[in-house]
Amino acid sequence: MKSMKPVIFKLNGENYGIDISCVNSIEEAQKISVIQNASKHIRGILNLRGEAIPVISLRSKFGYAENASDQSRLIITGMSGMQIAVEVDEVTGIKDVEGEDILEAPSIVINRSNEYISRIVKMEQNIVIILDMDKLVTPEEQEEIKDMIESL
């Protein structure tokens, strides 16, 4: 497998990553406008340099209790032709990972509820779960996000 460069972040004490080629920017947590009746994973809309960007809470998506802190960050990423912000607990760095340290996600780990896991990366003493951004948001959530943005 070829090498990669993921943005590594923490969520509920676990290490996750998103390939840097999917990341547009990393922003400090900012005021998010709550949208009434949105799915529980959609926190609301962020006004980033004049652009309305929907914010997805990974804590909610993965079933963790909400826990905002000063270390919280928004990873702005492209997905299915639109930008979204993914809220994470803390960004810990950007790492170069060699091919021998990248593993396919074991099929026993993947099921319908977590098919967004793309790969597993071995890093020092840790395992990092690499997310597939195109599978992270369901088609239903994508439609809801598009409708939300169009209604603004």
Protein backbone atom coordinates (compact mmCIF):
# COMPACT_ATOMS: atom_id res chain seq x y z
CA MET A 1 0.00 0.00 0.00
CA LYS A 2 1.32 3.47 -0.81
CA SER A 3 2.21 5.99 1.89
CA MET A 4 -0.23 8.61 3.14
CA LYS A 5 -0.33 11.76 5.24
CA PRO A 6 -3.30 11.88 7.63
CA VAL A 7 -4.44 14.69 9.91
CA ILE A 8 -4.56 12.92 13.29
CA PHE A 9 -7.16 13.90 15.86
CA LYS A 10 -8.60 12.67 19.12
CA LEU A 11 -12.19 11.84 19.79
CA ASN A 12 -13.20 10.50 23.21
CA GLY A 13 -9.54 9.61 23.83
CA GLU A 14 -9.22 7.52 20.65
CA ASN A 15 -6.98 8.35 17.67
CA TYR A 16 -8.61 8.97 14.29
CA GLY A 17 -7.35 10.42 11.03
CA ILE A 18 -8.46 11.94 7.75
CA ASP A 19 -6.19 11.87 4.70
CA ILE A 20 -4.79 15.38 4.28
CA SER A 21 -5.83 15.40 0.61
CA CYS A 22 -9.45 15.63 1.87
CA VAL A 23 -8.76 18.49 4.30
CA ASN A 24 -9.21 22.13 3.26
CA SER A 25 -8.37 23.72 6.62
CA ILE A 26 -8.35 23.25 10.38
CA GLU A 27 -10.15 25.93 12.38
CA GLU A 28 -10.56 26.73 16.05
CA ALA A 29 -14.02 26.01 17.41
CA GLN A 30 -16.30 28.91 16.56
CA LYS A 31 -19.89 29.96 17.10
CA ILE A 32 -22.20 27.55 15.34
CA SER A 33 -25.75 28.58 14.45
CA VAL A 34 -28.07 25.79 15.55
CA ILE A 35 -30.59 24.62 12.96
CA GLN A 36 -33.88 23.49 14.47
CA ASN A 37 -35.10 19.97 13.60
CA ALA A 38 -31.74 18.93 12.11
CA SER A 39 -30.46 15.37 12.58
CA LYS A 40 -28.72 14.88 15.90
CA HIS A 41 -25.31 14.54 14.19
CA ILE A 42 -25.66 17.92 12.47
CA ARG A 43 -24.67 20.59 15.00
CA GLY A 44 -25.62 23.50 12.79
CA ILE A 45 -24.08 25.97 10.35
CA LEU A 46 -20.74 27.75 10.61
CA ASN A 47 -20.13 31.08 8.88
CA LEU A 48 -16.54 30.68 7.72
CA ARG A 49 -15.24 33.66 5.76
CA GLY A 50 -18.74 34.35 4.42
CA GLU A 51 -19.51 30.75 3.45
CA ALA A 52 -22.19 28.68 5.21
CA ILE A 53 -20.66 25.33 6.16
CA PRO A 54 -22.61 22.57 7.92
CA VAL A 55 -20.99 21.17 11.08
CA ILE A 56 -21.09 17.44 11.83
CA SER A 57 -20.44 16.29 15.40
CA LEU A 58 -18.31 13.15 15.27
CA ARG A 59 -18.92 12.66 19.00
CA SER A 60 -22.64 12.37 18.31
CA LYS A 61 -22.12 10.31 15.15
CA PHE A 62 -20.00 7.77 17.03
CA GLY A 63 -22.31 7.64 20.04
CA TYR A 64 -20.17 9.63 22.51
CA ALA A 65 -21.52 12.27 24.89
CA GLU A 66 -20.94 15.87 23.78
CA ASN A 67 -17.88 17.42 25.43
CA ALA A 68 -16.66 20.71 23.91
CA SER A 69 -13.33 22.06 25.16
CA ASP A 70 -10.76 24.74 24.36
CA GLN A 71 -8.91 22.10 22.33
CA SER A 72 -11.92 21.38 20.07
CA ARG A 73 -11.28 21.96 16.39
CA LEU A 74 -13.24 22.00 13.15
CA ILE A 75 -11.71 20.11 10.25
CA ILE A 76 -13.06 21.62 7.03
CA THR A 77 -13.27 18.94 4.39
CA GLY A 78 -14.78 18.39 0.97
CA MET A 79 -17.38 15.69 0.58
CA SER A 80 -19.64 14.87 -2.35
CA GLY A 81 -19.12 18.28 -3.94
CA MET A 82 -19.70 20.36 -0.80
CA GLN A 83 -17.70 21.53 2.18
CA ILE A 84 -18.50 20.30 5.68
CA ALA A 85 -16.90 20.94 9.05
CA VAL A 86 -16.18 17.93 11.22
CA GLU A 87 -16.02 18.78 14.93
CA VAL A 88 -13.30 16.86 16.83
CA ASP A 89 -11.91 17.01 20.38
CA GLU A 90 -8.32 17.91 19.46
CA VAL A 91 -6.05 17.83 16.40
CA THR A 92 -2.75 16.26 17.44
CA GLY A 93 -0.78 16.57 14.21
CA ILE A 94 -0.13 15.65 10.62
CA LYS A 95 2.03 12.57 10.10
CA ASP A 96 3.77 10.87 7.21
CA VAL A 97 2.87 7.17 7.24
CA GLU A 98 4.75 4.58 5.20
CA GLY A 99 2.88 1.88 3.29
CA GLU A 100 3.96 -0.95 5.59
CA ASP A 101 2.22 0.79 8.52
CA ILE A 102 -1.12 1.04 6.69
CA LEU A 103 -3.55 -1.86 6.98
CA GLU A 104 -6.89 -2.48 5.35
CA ALA A 105 -9.64 -2.32 7.95
CA PRO A 106 -10.38 -5.92 8.95
CA SER A 107 -13.71 -7.09 7.55
CA ILE A 108 -14.73 -8.22 11.04
CA VAL A 109 -14.59 -4.55 12.10
CA ILE A 110 -16.62 -3.19 9.20
CA ASN A 111 -20.40 -3.33 9.22
CA ARG A 112 -23.20 -1.10 8.02
CA SER A 113 -22.94 1.20 11.05
CA ASN A 114 -19.21 1.92 10.61
CA GLU A 115 -18.45 1.46 6.93
CA TYR A 116 -16.77 4.89 7.02
CA ILE A 117 -13.61 3.24 8.41
CA SER A 118 -11.19 3.22 5.50
CA ARG A 119 -7.91 1.93 6.93
CA ILE A 120 -6.03 1.28 10.14
CA VAL A 121 -2.61 2.89 10.65
CA LYS A 122 0.06 1.71 13.09
CA MET A 123 1.84 4.69 14.66
CA GLU A 124 4.43 4.11 17.38
CA GLN A 125 2.42 2.36 20.12
CA ASN A 126 -0.95 3.54 18.80
CA ILE A 127 -3.55 2.54 16.27
CA VAL A 128 -5.17 5.31 14.22
CA ILE A 129 -8.52 4.72 12.51
CA ILE A 130 -8.58 6.48 9.13
CA LEU A 131 -12.02 7.69 8.07
CA ASP A 132 -13.43 7.65 4.54
CA MET A 133 -15.05 11.07 4.25
CA ASP A 134 -17.30 10.04 1.35
CA LYS A 135 -18.89 7.35 3.54
CA LEU A 136 -18.95 9.27 6.82
CA VAL A 137 -22.15 11.15 6.01
CA THR A 138 -25.07 9.00 4.84
CA PRO A 139 -26.89 9.86 1.61
CA GLU A 140 -29.89 10.91 3.73
CA GLU A 141 -27.70 13.27 5.79
CA GLN A 142 -26.17 14.65 2.58
CA GLU A 143 -29.65 15.47 1.27
CA GLU A 144 -30.56 17.11 4.57
CA ILE A 145 -27.37 19.20 4.45
CA LYS A 146 -28.02 20.28 0.84
CA ASP A 147 -31.60 21.26 1.70
CA MET A 148 -30.39 23.13 4.79
CA ILE A 149 -27.84 25.15 2.79
CA GLU A 150 -30.32 25.91 -0.01
CA SER A 151 -32.86 27.22 2.50
CA LEU A 152 -30.43 29.81 3.93
